[in-house]
Every structure is written in structure tokens, then in C-alpha cells.
Amino acid sequence: MNAETVLRSEITCPECGHSAVETMPTNACQYFYDCTGCGEVLKPKAGDCCVFCSYGTVPCPPIQTGGECCAA
């Protein structure tokens, strides 16, 4: 990870529009996120690796650094 990697992202629920600033994990993808507004469980959109890449203002750290997110 380089000095310019952003670790916080504002995630917005597509169901209710509630937003929250969250710290992204650097060692794992976050596939699920429980909206603190309506309780909806968010999952990544097709083609995205995690909820931050789908609903956040900043993509996850591995994507920011040009790597692959959670390669199996």
C-alpha cells in the first residue's frame, strides 16, 4: 500500500439513501454491508469485487493500488 491509498469511503445504501463513512479492510474484501439506516444487507454489484467498489465514494485499497481485489 502506498502513502496515497485512501482507507475511508462513504458508502451509500441504494435502498434508503443512508450514507456512512467506513474504514475499508486492507487484507480482505467486504462482500456484505449492513445498512445502519434501513438494515438492508448490501452485496457487490455484478462485476465488482466488494461493497465499497459498488456503493462507496472510494474503491477498495487493492483496486486503488492497481492490484486485484481478493484474488482467490
PDB file of N, CA and C in Angstrom:
ATOM      1  N   MET A   1       0.842  -1.166   0.000  1.00  0.00           N
ATOM      2  CA  MET A   1       0.000   0.000   0.000  1.00  0.00           C
ATOM      3  C   MET A   1       0.893   1.236   0.000  1.00  0.00           C
ATOM      4  N   ASN A   2       0.529   2.232  -0.809  1.00  0.00           N
ATOM      5  CA  ASN A   2       1.350   3.432  -0.857  1.00  0.00           C
ATOM      6  C   ASN A   2       0.745   4.529   0.009  1.00  0.00           C
ATOM      7  N   ALA A   3       1.448   5.640   0.130  1.00  0.00           N
ATOM      8  CA  ALA A   3       1.019   6.734   1.000  1.00  0.00           C
ATOM      9  C   ALA A   3      -0.274   7.398   0.534  1.00  0.00           C
ATOM     10  N   GLU A   4      -0.646   7.204  -0.709  1.00  0.00           N
ATOM     11  CA  GLU A   4      -1.843   7.853  -1.228  1.00  0.00           C
ATOM     12  C   GLU A   4      -3.088   6.975  -1.156  1.00  0.00           C
ATOM     13  N   THR A   5      -2.981   5.778  -0.644  1.00  0.00           N
ATOM     14  CA  THR A   5      -4.134   4.897  -0.548  1.00  0.00           C
ATOM     15  C   THR A   5      -5.113   5.445   0.483  1.00  0.00           C
ATOM     16  N   VAL A   6      -6.364   5.581   0.079  1.00  0.00           N
ATOM     17  CA  VAL A   6      -7.423   6.090   0.949  1.00  0.00           C
ATOM     18  C   VAL A   6      -8.095   4.890   1.622  1.00  0.00           C
ATOM     19  N   LEU A   7      -8.210   4.939   2.940  1.00  0.00           N
ATOM     20  CA  LEU A   7      -8.777   3.814   3.683  1.00  0.00           C
ATOM     21  C   LEU A   7     -10.211   4.047   4.141  1.00  0.00           C
ATOM     22  N   ARG A   8     -10.728   5.252   3.940  1.00  0.00           N
ATOM     23  CA  ARG A   8     -12.105   5.531   4.351  1.00  0.00           C
ATOM     24  C   ARG A   8     -12.931   5.879   3.123  1.00  0.00           C
ATOM     25  N   SER A   9     -14.152   5.377   3.110  1.00  0.00           N
ATOM     26  CA  SER A   9     -15.047   5.585   1.989  1.00  0.00           C
ATOM     27  C   SER A   9     -16.458   5.824   2.524  1.00  0.00           C
ATOM     28  N   GLU A  10     -17.186   6.698   1.870  1.00  0.00           N
ATOM     29  CA  GLU A  10     -18.584   6.920   2.247  1.00  0.00           C
ATOM     30  C   GLU A  10     -19.431   5.948   1.437  1.00  0.00           C
ATOM     31  N   ILE A  11     -20.092   5.050   2.126  1.00  0.00           N
ATOM     32  CA  ILE A  11     -20.911   4.042   1.471  1.00  0.00           C
ATOM     33  C   ILE A  11     -22.372   4.470   1.571  1.00  0.00           C
ATOM     34  N   THR A  12     -23.092   4.396   0.451  1.00  0.00           N
ATOM     35  CA  THR A  12     -24.483   4.848   0.396  1.00  0.00           C
ATOM     36  C   THR A  12     -25.392   3.698   0.009  1.00  0.00           C
ATOM     37  N   CYS A  13     -26.424   3.489   0.807  1.00  0.00           N
ATOM     38  CA  CYS A  13     -27.383   2.415   0.559  1.00  0.00           C
ATOM     39  C   CYS A  13     -28.271   2.779  -0.631  1.00  0.00           C
ATOM     40  N   PRO A  14     -28.381   1.884  -1.620  1.00  0.00           N
ATOM     41  CA  PRO A  14     -29.239   2.165  -2.772  1.00  0.00           C
ATOM     42  C   PRO A  14     -30.724   2.052  -2.436  1.00  0.00           C
ATOM     43  N   GLU A  15     -31.043   1.419  -1.323  1.00  0.00           N
ATOM     44  CA  GLU A  15     -32.444   1.236  -0.930  1.00  0.00           C
ATOM     45  C   GLU A  15     -33.018   2.477  -0.242  1.00  0.00           C
ATOM     46  N   CYS A  16     -32.295   3.016   0.738  1.00  0.00           N
ATOM     47  CA  CYS A  16     -32.839   4.126   1.528  1.00  0.00           C
ATOM     48  C   CYS A  16     -32.053   5.423   1.394  1.00  0.00           C
ATOM     49  N   GLY A  17     -30.861   5.372   0.786  1.00  0.00           N
ATOM     50  CA  GLY A  17     -30.051   6.567   0.596  1.00  0.00           C
ATOM     51  C   GLY A  17     -29.202   6.956   1.794  1.00  0.00           C
ATOM     52  N   HIS A  18     -29.254   6.160   2.867  1.00  0.00           N
ATOM     53  CA  HIS A  18     -28.440   6.448   4.049  1.00  0.00           C
ATOM     54  C   HIS A  18     -26.962   6.298   3.707  1.00  0.00           C
ATOM     55  N   SER A  19     -26.144   7.231   4.198  1.00  0.00           N
ATOM     56  CA  SER A  19     -24.707   7.188   3.961  1.00  0.00           C
ATOM     57  C   SER A  19     -23.959   7.109   5.279  1.00  0.00           C
ATOM     58  N   ALA A  20     -22.827   6.427   5.252  1.00  0.00           N
ATOM     59  CA  ALA A  20     -21.962   6.329   6.428  1.00  0.00           C
ATOM     60  C   ALA A  20     -20.524   6.237   5.948  1.00  0.00           C
ATOM     61  N   VAL A  21     -19.617   6.890   6.671  1.00  0.00           N
ATOM     62  CA  VAL A  21     -18.195   6.805   6.348  1.00  0.00           C
ATOM     63  C   VAL A  21     -17.634   5.609   7.115  1.00  0.00           C
ATOM     64  N   GLU A  22     -17.012   4.695   6.383  1.00  0.00           N
ATOM     65  CA  GLU A  22     -16.490   3.458   6.965  1.00  0.00           C
ATOM     66  C   GLU A  22     -15.016   3.291   6.599  1.00  0.00           C
ATOM     67  N   THR A  23     -14.300   2.581   7.439  1.00  0.00           N
ATOM     68  CA  THR A  23     -12.905   2.236   7.152  1.00  0.00           C
ATOM     69  C   THR A  23     -12.901   0.910   6.397  1.00  0.00           C
ATOM     70  N   MET A  24     -12.217   0.895   5.267  1.00  0.00           N
ATOM     71  CA  MET A  24     -12.162  -0.311   4.442  1.00  0.00           C
ATOM     72  C   MET A  24     -11.079  -1.257   4.946  1.00  0.00           C
ATOM     73  N   PRO A  25     -11.347  -2.558   4.918  1.00  0.00           N
ATOM     74  CA  PRO A  25     -10.304  -3.510   5.296  1.00  0.00           C
ATOM     75  C   PRO A  25      -9.203  -3.514   4.236  1.00  0.00           C
ATOM     76  N   THR A  26      -7.973  -3.741   4.665  1.00  0.00           N
ATOM     77  CA  THR A  26      -6.857  -3.779   3.718  1.00  0.00           C
ATOM     78  C   THR A  26      -6.436  -5.201   3.398  1.00  0.00           C
ATOM     79  N   ASN A  27      -6.931  -6.170   4.158  1.00  0.00           N
ATOM     80  CA  ASN A  27      -6.483  -7.550   3.981  1.00  0.00           C
ATOM     81  C   ASN A  27      -7.591  -8.500   3.541  1.00  0.00           C
ATOM     82  N   ALA A  28      -8.771  -7.970   3.238  1.00  0.00           N
ATOM     83  CA  ALA A  28      -9.880  -8.824   2.809  1.00  0.00           C
ATOM     84  C   ALA A  28     -10.928  -7.970   2.109  1.00  0.00           C
ATOM     85  N   CYS A  29     -11.706  -8.601   1.249  1.00  0.00           N
ATOM     86  CA  CYS A  29     -12.831  -7.909   0.620  1.00  0.00           C
ATOM     87  C   CYS A  29     -14.006  -7.898   1.586  1.00  0.00           C
ATOM     88  N   GLN A  30     -14.820  -6.889   1.481  1.00  0.00           N
ATOM     89  CA  GLN A  30     -16.040  -6.859   2.273  1.00  0.00           C
ATOM     90  C   GLN A  30     -17.197  -7.106   1.308  1.00  0.00           C
ATOM     91  N   TYR A  31     -17.708  -8.336   1.351  1.00  0.00           N
ATOM     92  CA  TYR A  31     -18.761  -8.740   0.424  1.00  0.00           C
ATOM     93  C   TYR A  31     -20.139  -8.304   0.880  1.00  0.00           C
ATOM     94  N   PHE A  32     -20.326  -8.109   2.182  1.00  0.00           N
ATOM     95  CA  PHE A  32     -21.622  -7.730   2.725  1.00  0.00           C
ATOM     96  C   PHE A  32     -21.470  -6.495   3.602  1.00  0.00           C
ATOM     97  N   TYR A  33     -22.517  -5.683   3.617  1.00  0.00           N
ATOM     98  CA  TYR A  33     -22.539  -4.498   4.474  1.00  0.00           C
ATOM     99  C   TYR A  33     -23.968  -4.300   4.949  1.00  0.00           C
ATOM    100  N   ASP A  34     -24.158  -4.201   6.250  1.00  0.00           N
ATOM    101  CA  ASP A  34     -25.479  -3.964   6.824  1.00  0.00           C
ATOM    102  C   ASP A  34     -25.722  -2.465   6.916  1.00  0.00           C
ATOM    103  N   CYS A  35     -26.704  -1.969   6.170  1.00  0.00           N
ATOM    104  CA  CYS A  35     -27.035  -0.551   6.208  1.00  0.00           C
ATOM    105  C   CYS A  35     -27.532  -0.194   7.609  1.00  0.00           C
ATOM    106  N   THR A  36     -26.949   0.846   8.187  1.00  0.00           N
ATOM    107  CA  THR A  36     -27.368   1.268   9.518  1.00  0.00           C
ATOM    108  C   THR A  36     -28.625   2.127   9.455  1.00  0.00           C
ATOM    109  N   GLY A  37     -29.086   2.439   8.251  1.00  0.00           N
ATOM    110  CA  GLY A  37     -30.315   3.211   8.089  1.00  0.00           C
ATOM    111  C   GLY A  37     -31.548   2.338   8.031  1.00  0.00           C
ATOM    112  N   CYS A  38     -31.536   1.340   7.125  1.00  0.00           N
ATOM    113  CA  CYS A  38     -32.730   0.510   6.934  1.00  0.00           C
ATOM    114  C   CYS A  38     -32.507  -0.972   7.226  1.00  0.00           C
ATOM    115  N   GLY A  39     -31.260  -1.379   7.448  1.00  0.00           N
ATOM    116  CA  GLY A  39     -30.978  -2.776   7.753  1.00  0.00           C
ATOM    117  C   GLY A  39     -30.759  -3.657   6.528  1.00  0.00           C
ATOM    118  N   GLU A  40     -30.878  -3.085   5.338  1.00  0.00           N
ATOM    119  CA  GLU A  40     -30.646  -3.843   4.107  1.00  0.00           C
ATOM    120  C   GLU A  40     -29.213  -4.384   4.094  1.00  0.00           C
ATOM    121  N   VAL A  41     -29.053  -5.623   3.645  1.00  0.00           N
ATOM    122  CA  VAL A  41     -27.721  -6.197   3.509  1.00  0.00           C
ATOM    123  C   VAL A  41     -27.267  -5.960   2.072  1.00  0.00           C
ATOM    124  N   LEU A  42     -26.246  -5.112   1.922  1.00  0.00           N
ATOM    125  CA  LEU A  42     -25.731  -4.794   0.591  1.00  0.00           C
ATOM    126  C   LEU A  42     -24.730  -5.850   0.163  1.00  0.00           C
ATOM    127  N   LYS A  43     -24.760  -6.168  -1.126  1.00  0.00           N
ATOM    128  CA  LYS A  43     -23.820  -7.095  -1.745  1.00  0.00           C
ATOM    129  C   LYS A  43     -23.237  -6.393  -2.959  1.00  0.00           C
ATOM    130  N   PRO A  44     -22.035  -6.779  -3.401  1.00  0.00           N
ATOM    131  CA  PRO A  44     -21.436  -6.119  -4.570  1.00  0.00           C
ATOM    132  C   PRO A  44     -22.301  -6.274  -5.819  1.00  0.00           C
ATOM    133  N   LYS A  45     -22.275  -5.255  -6.673  1.00  0.00           N
ATOM    134  CA  LYS A  45     -22.938  -5.342  -7.976  1.00  0.00           C
ATOM    135  C   LYS A  45     -22.151  -6.316  -8.850  1.00  0.00           C
ATOM    136  N   ALA A  46     -22.792  -6.858  -9.860  1.00  0.00           N
ATOM    137  CA  ALA A  46     -22.127  -7.760 -10.794  1.00  0.00           C
ATOM    138  C   ALA A  46     -20.890  -7.087 -11.372  1.00  0.00           C
ATOM    139  N   GLY A  47     -19.765  -7.770 -11.321  1.00  0.00           N
ATOM    140  CA  GLY A  47     -18.523  -7.246 -11.864  1.00  0.00           C
ATOM    141  C   GLY A  47     -17.668  -6.496 -10.855  1.00  0.00           C
ATOM    142  N   ASP A  48     -18.233  -6.171  -9.692  1.00  0.00           N
ATOM    143  CA  ASP A  48     -17.467  -5.508  -8.641  1.00  0.00           C
ATOM    144  C   ASP A  48     -17.004  -6.538  -7.617  1.00  0.00           C
ATOM    145  N   CYS A  49     -15.878  -6.238  -6.975  1.00  0.00           N
ATOM    146  CA  CYS A  49     -15.304  -7.208  -6.044  1.00  0.00           C
ATOM    147  C   CYS A  49     -15.808  -7.049  -4.618  1.00  0.00           C
ATOM    148  N   CYS A  50     -16.323  -5.859  -4.271  1.00  0.00           N
ATOM    149  CA  CYS A  50     -16.759  -5.654  -2.890  1.00  0.00           C
ATOM    150  C   CYS A  50     -17.790  -4.530  -2.825  1.00  0.00           C
ATOM    151  N   VAL A  51     -18.397  -4.360  -1.651  1.00  0.00           N
ATOM    152  CA  VAL A  51     -19.425  -3.329  -1.499  1.00  0.00           C
ATOM    153  C   VAL A  51     -18.864  -1.918  -1.638  1.00  0.00           C
ATOM    154  N   PHE A  52     -17.589  -1.713  -1.298  1.00  0.00           N
ATOM    155  CA  PHE A  52     -17.007  -0.380  -1.442  1.00  0.00           C
ATOM    156  C   PHE A  52     -16.831  -0.014  -2.911  1.00  0.00           C
ATOM    157  N   CYS A  53     -16.500  -0.979  -3.747  1.00  0.00           N
ATOM    158  CA  CYS A  53     -16.373  -0.708  -5.177  1.00  0.00           C
ATOM    159  C   CYS A  53     -17.747  -0.439  -5.803  1.00  0.00           C
ATOM    160  N   SER A  54     -18.804  -1.013  -5.234  1.00  0.00           N
ATOM    161  CA  SER A  54     -20.151  -0.812  -5.759  1.00  0.00           C
ATOM    162  C   SER A  54     -20.852   0.430  -5.221  1.00  0.00           C
ATOM    163  N   TYR A  55     -20.730   0.688  -3.923  1.00  0.00           N
ATOM    164  CA  TYR A  55     -21.541   1.728  -3.284  1.00  0.00           C
ATOM    165  C   TYR A  55     -20.748   2.813  -2.569  1.00  0.00           C
ATOM    166  N   GLY A  56     -19.422   2.711  -2.596  1.00  0.00           N
ATOM    167  CA  GLY A  56     -18.594   3.687  -1.890  1.00  0.00           C
ATOM    168  C   GLY A  56     -18.110   4.812  -2.773  1.00  0.00           C
ATOM    169  N   THR A  57     -17.621   5.864  -2.130  1.00  0.00           N
ATOM    170  CA  THR A  57     -17.067   7.003  -2.861  1.00  0.00           C
ATOM    171  C   THR A  57     -15.631   6.741  -3.284  1.00  0.00           C
ATOM    172  N   VAL A  58     -15.001   5.722  -2.696  1.00  0.00           N
ATOM    173  CA  VAL A  58     -13.621   5.359  -2.992  1.00  0.00           C
ATOM    174  C   VAL A  58     -13.566   3.847  -3.177  1.00  0.00           C
ATOM    175  N   PRO A  59     -12.927   3.340  -4.232  1.00  0.00           N
ATOM    176  CA  PRO A  59     -12.800   1.889  -4.378  1.00  0.00           C
ATOM    177  C   PRO A  59     -11.891   1.305  -3.303  1.00  0.00           C
ATOM    178  N   CYS A  60     -11.948   0.011  -3.123  1.00  0.00           N
ATOM    179  CA  CYS A  60     -11.166  -0.663  -2.086  1.00  0.00           C
ATOM    180  C   CYS A  60      -9.658  -0.495  -2.314  1.00  0.00           C
ATOM    181  N   PRO A  61      -8.856  -0.613  -1.246  1.00  0.00           N
ATOM    182  CA  PRO A  61      -7.402  -0.402  -1.353  1.00  0.00           C
ATOM    183  C   PRO A  61      -6.701  -1.207  -2.449  1.00  0.00           C
ATOM    184  N   PRO A  62      -6.990  -2.510  -2.628  1.00  0.00           N
ATOM    185  CA  PRO A  62      -6.288  -3.223  -3.706  1.00  0.00           C
ATOM    186  C   PRO A  62      -6.576  -2.647  -5.098  1.00  0.00           C
ATOM    187  N   ILE A  63      -7.789  -2.222  -5.339  1.00  0.00           N
ATOM    188  CA  ILE A  63      -8.130  -1.635  -6.629  1.00  0.00           C
ATOM    189  C   ILE A  63      -7.446  -0.272  -6.785  1.00  0.00           C
ATOM    190  N   GLN A  64      -7.391   0.506  -5.702  1.00  0.00           N
ATOM    191  CA  GLN A  64      -6.720   1.816  -5.751  1.00  0.00           C
ATOM    192  C   GLN A  64      -5.257   1.691  -6.154  1.00  0.00           C
ATOM    193  N   THR A  65      -4.608   0.614  -5.717  1.00  0.00           N
ATOM    194  CA  THR A  65      -3.186   0.451  -5.983  1.00  0.00           C
ATOM    195  C   THR A  65      -2.907  -0.314  -7.276  1.00  0.00           C
ATOM    196  N   GLY A  66      -3.975  -0.602  -8.045  1.00  0.00           N
ATOM    197  CA  GLY A  66      -3.802  -1.262  -9.328  1.00  0.00           C
ATOM    198  C   GLY A  66      -3.694  -2.767  -9.243  1.00  0.00           C
ATOM    199  N   GLY A  67      -3.979  -3.318  -8.096  1.00  0.00           N
ATOM    200  CA  GLY A  67      -3.941  -4.767  -7.926  1.00  0.00           C
ATOM    201  C   GLY A  67      -5.303  -5.395  -8.147  1.00  0.00           C
ATOM    202  N   GLU A  68      -5.367  -6.654  -7.819  1.00  0.00           N
ATOM    203  CA  GLU A  68      -6.633  -7.362  -7.901  1.00  0.00           C
ATOM    204  C   GLU A  68      -7.224  -7.446  -6.510  1.00  0.00           C
ATOM    205  N   CYS A  69      -8.515  -7.302  -6.435  1.00  0.00           N
ATOM    206  CA  CYS A  69      -9.182  -7.371  -5.138  1.00  0.00           C
ATOM    207  C   CYS A  69      -9.501  -8.826  -4.826  1.00  0.00           C
ATOM    208  N   CYS A  70      -8.931  -9.296  -3.776  1.00  0.00           N
ATOM    209  CA  CYS A  70      -9.250 -10.612  -3.219  1.00  0.00           C
ATOM    210  C   CYS A  70      -9.181 -11.734  -4.243  1.00  0.00           C
ATOM    211  N   ALA A  71      -8.118 -11.791  -4.979  1.00  0.00           N
ATOM    212  CA  ALA A  71      -7.944 -12.889  -5.937  1.00  0.00           C
ATOM    213  C   ALA A  71      -7.905 -14.198  -5.179  1.00  0.00           C
ATOM    214  N   ALA A  72      -8.666 -15.136  -5.655  1.00  0.00           N
ATOM    215  CA  ALA A  72      -8.743 -16.438  -4.968  1.00  0.00           C
ATOM    216  C   ALA A  72      -7.560 -17.307  -5.320  1.00  0.00           C
TER     217      ALA A  72
END
